[in-house]
């Protein structure tokens, strides 16, 4: 059941959506504003604008959503493939004018090479766990041209645990989420947030060079990674 896709479809078709709830493994459910997936360039935060300014060559926009980033890059003349696991999202992207929107899972996506792999809005979180992130980094090498780059923003969520204990059985940045929309609940899924120190350790372990490029002054930052030579 594509609960998230249903919310996107309502927003696209009607100009508004009912409340999209995001249940989580650490606190009370939160409301997820659906209209943020349809933002214009003027409405985007600096960290996403910086990431798009750093894109090079052929771009794979992973977790393309409603296509807002792909449309901006396409307008700048980039050859962009927007990838999303949601069939509804892919349909919306095509209807909004994304020339190359593809339904699929980045873990099994293959056959093409890119100069930039782009994950925005904490999109690298779809790797789910630390092991999933390491698995992805190994797979990503097969998706990149020589000297290609991986660009993503993520967050250090240590602040969530200022008043409660960090979990003892897993890394604290491994979170479980579940979407709820119009009384329909999707499956629980894993999401990953990485603190900068651990990111650098994993990058080196997996054969990547890692640079932290932009910090929003709070908990979110932009990372650029390239395969170590």
Protein backbone atom coordinates (compact mmCIF):
# COMPACT_ATOMS: atom_id res chain seq x y z
CA UNK A 1 0.00 0.00 0.00
CA UNK A 2 1.57 3.28 -1.15
CA UNK A 3 0.30 5.53 1.64
CA UNK A 4 2.89 8.23 0.94
CA UNK A 5 2.13 8.10 -2.79
CA UNK A 6 -1.59 8.54 -2.10
CA UNK A 7 -0.86 11.73 -0.16
CA UNK A 8 1.36 13.04 -2.96
CA UNK A 9 -1.36 12.25 -5.49
CA UNK A 10 -4.00 14.19 -3.55
CA UNK A 11 -1.68 17.18 -3.23
CA UNK A 12 -0.90 17.09 -6.94
CA UNK A 13 -4.48 16.56 -8.09
CA UNK A 14 -6.35 18.79 -5.64
CA UNK A 15 -3.74 21.29 -4.50
CA UNK A 16 -4.03 20.02 -0.94
CA UNK A 17 -3.92 16.79 1.02
CA UNK A 18 -5.35 15.46 4.26
CA UNK A 19 -3.00 15.13 7.22
CA UNK A 20 -0.09 12.77 6.58
CA UNK A 21 1.06 11.33 9.89
CA UNK A 22 4.55 9.98 10.44
CA UNK A 23 4.75 7.48 13.30
CA UNK A 24 8.22 6.84 14.71
CA UNK A 25 10.06 4.56 17.07
CA UNK A 26 11.13 7.22 19.57
CA UNK A 27 8.23 9.60 20.27
CA UNK A 28 4.69 10.68 19.40
CA UNK A 29 3.53 10.78 15.74
CA UNK A 30 4.35 13.93 13.80
CA UNK A 31 2.47 15.66 11.00
CA UNK A 32 4.35 15.63 7.69
CA UNK A 33 3.45 18.59 5.45
CA UNK A 34 2.87 17.18 1.95
CA UNK A 35 3.26 20.49 0.13
CA UNK A 36 7.01 20.60 0.88
CA UNK A 37 7.52 17.94 -1.80
CA UNK A 38 6.21 20.43 -4.38
CA UNK A 39 8.41 23.38 -3.43
CA UNK A 40 9.80 25.83 -5.95
CA UNK A 41 13.49 26.71 -6.03
CA UNK A 42 12.74 29.92 -4.12
CA UNK A 43 11.17 27.91 -1.30
CA UNK A 44 14.04 25.47 -0.81
CA UNK A 45 16.53 25.70 2.06
CA UNK A 46 20.12 26.73 1.45
CA UNK A 47 21.46 23.22 2.02
CA UNK A 48 19.44 21.83 -0.91
CA UNK A 49 20.32 24.77 -3.15
CA UNK A 50 24.00 24.26 -2.34
CA UNK A 51 23.74 20.57 -3.21
CA UNK A 52 22.15 21.30 -6.58
CA UNK A 53 24.83 23.91 -7.31
CA UNK A 54 27.46 21.20 -6.75
CA UNK A 55 25.91 18.68 -9.15
CA UNK A 56 28.11 17.57 -12.03
CA UNK A 57 27.44 15.80 -15.31
CA UNK A 58 24.74 13.17 -15.46
CA UNK A 59 22.65 13.05 -12.26
CA UNK A 60 20.69 10.28 -10.56
CA UNK A 61 18.18 11.93 -8.21
CA UNK A 62 17.37 9.15 -5.73
CA UNK A 63 14.05 9.36 -3.92
CA UNK A 64 12.82 11.83 -6.50
CA UNK A 65 9.43 12.26 -4.80
CA UNK A 66 7.32 14.77 -6.72
CA UNK A 67 10.29 15.75 -8.88
CA UNK A 68 11.01 19.24 -7.55
CA UNK A 69 14.80 18.85 -7.52
CA UNK A 70 14.87 16.99 -10.84
CA UNK A 71 12.86 19.75 -12.50
CA UNK A 72 15.28 22.43 -11.29
CA UNK A 73 18.31 20.47 -12.48
CA UNK A 74 16.61 19.67 -15.77
CA UNK A 75 15.93 23.38 -16.23
CA UNK A 76 19.64 24.04 -15.72
CA UNK A 77 20.46 21.69 -18.58
CA UNK A 78 21.45 18.58 -16.62
CA UNK A 79 20.67 15.08 -17.88
CA UNK A 80 18.71 13.79 -14.87
CA UNK A 81 17.20 10.41 -14.03
CA UNK A 82 14.75 10.68 -11.12
CA UNK A 83 14.35 7.37 -9.28
CA UNK A 84 11.61 6.58 -6.78
CA UNK A 85 10.17 3.36 -5.40
CA UNK A 86 6.63 4.81 -5.48
CA UNK A 87 4.67 4.32 -8.71
CA UNK A 88 2.46 7.29 -7.78
CA UNK A 89 5.50 9.52 -7.34
CA UNK A 90 6.89 8.48 -10.72
CA UNK A 91 3.56 9.21 -12.40
CA UNK A 92 3.43 12.64 -10.76
CA UNK A 93 6.99 13.42 -11.83
CA UNK A 94 6.19 12.56 -15.43
CA UNK A 95 3.03 14.69 -15.33
CA UNK A 96 5.03 17.59 -13.92
CA UNK A 97 7.50 17.39 -16.80
CA UNK A 98 10.38 15.25 -15.53
CA UNK A 99 11.73 13.72 -18.74
CA UNK A 100 13.25 10.60 -17.23
CA UNK A 101 11.41 9.35 -14.13
CA UNK A 102 11.93 5.69 -13.23
CA UNK A 103 10.32 3.44 -10.66
CA UNK A 104 12.87 1.33 -8.81
CA UNK A 105 15.00 0.61 -5.77
CA UNK A 106 18.48 2.13 -5.77
CA UNK A 107 19.90 -1.05 -4.22
CA UNK A 108 19.03 -3.02 -7.35
CA UNK A 109 19.33 -0.22 -9.92
CA UNK A 110 22.09 -0.91 -12.41
CA UNK A 111 23.17 -0.70 -16.03
CA UNK A 112 23.75 3.06 -16.16
CA UNK A 113 26.50 5.27 -14.81
CA UNK A 114 26.31 8.79 -13.46
CA UNK A 115 28.58 11.64 -12.44
CA UNK A 116 26.43 12.59 -9.43
CA UNK A 117 24.26 10.49 -7.13
CA UNK A 118 21.98 12.95 -5.33
CA UNK A 119 19.96 12.29 -2.15
CA UNK A 120 18.15 15.31 -0.71
CA UNK A 121 15.72 15.86 2.19
CA UNK A 122 17.66 13.31 4.29
CA UNK A 123 17.22 10.90 1.40
CA UNK A 124 20.30 8.85 2.25
CA UNK A 125 18.19 7.65 5.16
CA UNK A 126 16.54 5.13 2.86
CA UNK A 127 19.63 2.96 3.30
CA UNK A 128 17.94 2.15 6.62
CA UNK A 129 20.75 0.99 8.88
CA UNK A 130 24.52 1.27 9.20
CA UNK A 131 24.88 -2.09 7.45
CA UNK A 132 22.48 -0.90 4.75
CA UNK A 133 24.54 2.25 4.25
CA UNK A 134 27.73 0.22 3.87
CA UNK A 135 26.00 -2.10 1.38
CA UNK A 136 24.83 0.93 -0.56
CA UNK A 137 28.31 2.49 -0.65
CA UNK A 138 29.68 -0.68 -2.24
CA UNK A 139 26.83 -0.74 -4.78
CA UNK A 140 27.18 2.98 -5.50
CA UNK A 141 30.68 2.42 -6.92
CA UNK A 142 29.05 0.55 -9.81
CA UNK A 143 26.73 3.49 -10.53
CA UNK A 144 29.39 6.19 -10.75
CA UNK A 145 31.66 7.23 -13.56
CA UNK A 146 35.32 7.74 -12.71
CA UNK A 147 35.67 10.60 -10.20
CA UNK A 148 31.88 10.70 -9.80
CA UNK A 149 30.40 12.02 -6.58
CA UNK A 150 27.78 11.11 -4.00
CA UNK A 151 25.98 14.15 -2.54
CA UNK A 152 23.54 13.97 0.37
CA UNK A 153 22.28 15.83 3.39
CA UNK A 154 21.71 14.11 6.69
CA UNK A 155 21.32 15.02 10.36
CA UNK A 156 23.01 14.29 13.65
CA UNK A 157 19.97 13.47 15.80
CA UNK A 158 21.84 13.16 19.10
CA UNK A 159 19.73 16.09 20.33
CA UNK A 160 16.71 13.78 20.49
CA UNK A 161 18.38 11.93 23.34
CA UNK A 162 19.24 14.87 25.56
CA UNK A 163 16.44 13.85 27.94
CA UNK A 164 16.33 10.10 27.33
CA UNK A 165 18.78 7.25 27.03
CA UNK A 166 20.19 6.29 23.66
CA UNK A 167 19.22 2.74 22.60
CA UNK A 168 21.67 0.08 23.70
CA UNK A 169 20.84 -2.48 21.02
CA UNK A 170 21.47 -0.34 17.92
CA UNK A 171 22.99 2.91 16.65
CA UNK A 172 20.87 5.85 17.81
CA UNK A 173 20.50 7.18 14.26
CA UNK A 174 18.62 4.07 13.14
CA UNK A 175 14.93 4.99 13.31
CA UNK A 176 11.73 3.17 12.28
CA UNK A 177 8.88 5.09 10.64
CA UNK A 178 5.35 4.40 9.45
CA UNK A 179 3.12 6.62 7.30
CA UNK A 180 -0.58 7.03 8.04
CA UNK A 181 -2.94 8.78 5.63
CA UNK A 182 -6.74 8.81 5.64
CA UNK A 183 -6.81 6.04 8.28
CA UNK A 184 -4.57 3.79 6.20
CA UNK A 185 -1.21 2.77 7.59
CA UNK A 186 1.75 1.62 5.54
CA UNK A 187 4.44 -0.83 6.53
CA UNK A 188 7.07 0.21 9.06
CA UNK A 189 10.38 1.07 7.38
CA UNK A 190 13.89 1.82 8.59
CA UNK A 191 15.56 5.20 8.18
CA UNK A 192 19.12 6.27 8.94
CA UNK A 193 20.60 9.52 10.26
CA UNK A 194 24.40 9.75 10.44
CA UNK A 195 26.54 11.83 12.75
CA UNK A 196 29.59 13.36 11.01
CA UNK A 197 32.26 11.48 12.98
CA UNK A 198 30.76 8.07 12.26
CA UNK A 199 30.15 8.98 8.61
CA UNK A 200 33.86 9.66 8.14
CA UNK A 201 34.80 6.35 9.78
CA UNK A 202 32.42 4.36 7.56
CA UNK A 203 33.50 6.23 4.43
CA UNK A 204 37.15 5.35 5.03
CA UNK A 205 36.26 1.75 5.88
CA UNK A 206 34.35 1.39 2.59
CA UNK A 207 36.98 3.07 0.40
CA UNK A 208 35.53 6.56 0.03
CA UNK A 209 36.83 10.07 0.63
CA UNK A 210 34.34 12.20 2.55
CA UNK A 211 34.06 15.97 2.84
CA UNK A 212 31.54 17.90 4.91
CA UNK A 213 30.56 20.90 2.80
CA UNK A 214 27.72 22.77 4.47
CA UNK A 215 26.34 22.99 7.98
CA UNK A 216 23.02 24.67 8.69
CA UNK A 217 24.25 25.70 12.14
CA UNK A 218 22.04 23.18 13.90
CA UNK A 219 22.04 19.44 13.23
CA UNK A 220 21.84 19.08 9.43
CA UNK A 221 24.84 18.97 7.09
CA UNK A 222 25.76 18.28 3.47
CA UNK A 223 28.32 15.63 2.59
CA UNK A 224 30.22 14.95 -0.61
CA UNK A 225 31.87 11.56 -1.14
CA UNK A 226 34.07 10.19 -3.91
CA UNK A 227 35.66 6.78 -4.31
CA UNK A 228 39.20 6.90 -2.89
CA UNK A 229 41.90 6.72 -5.54
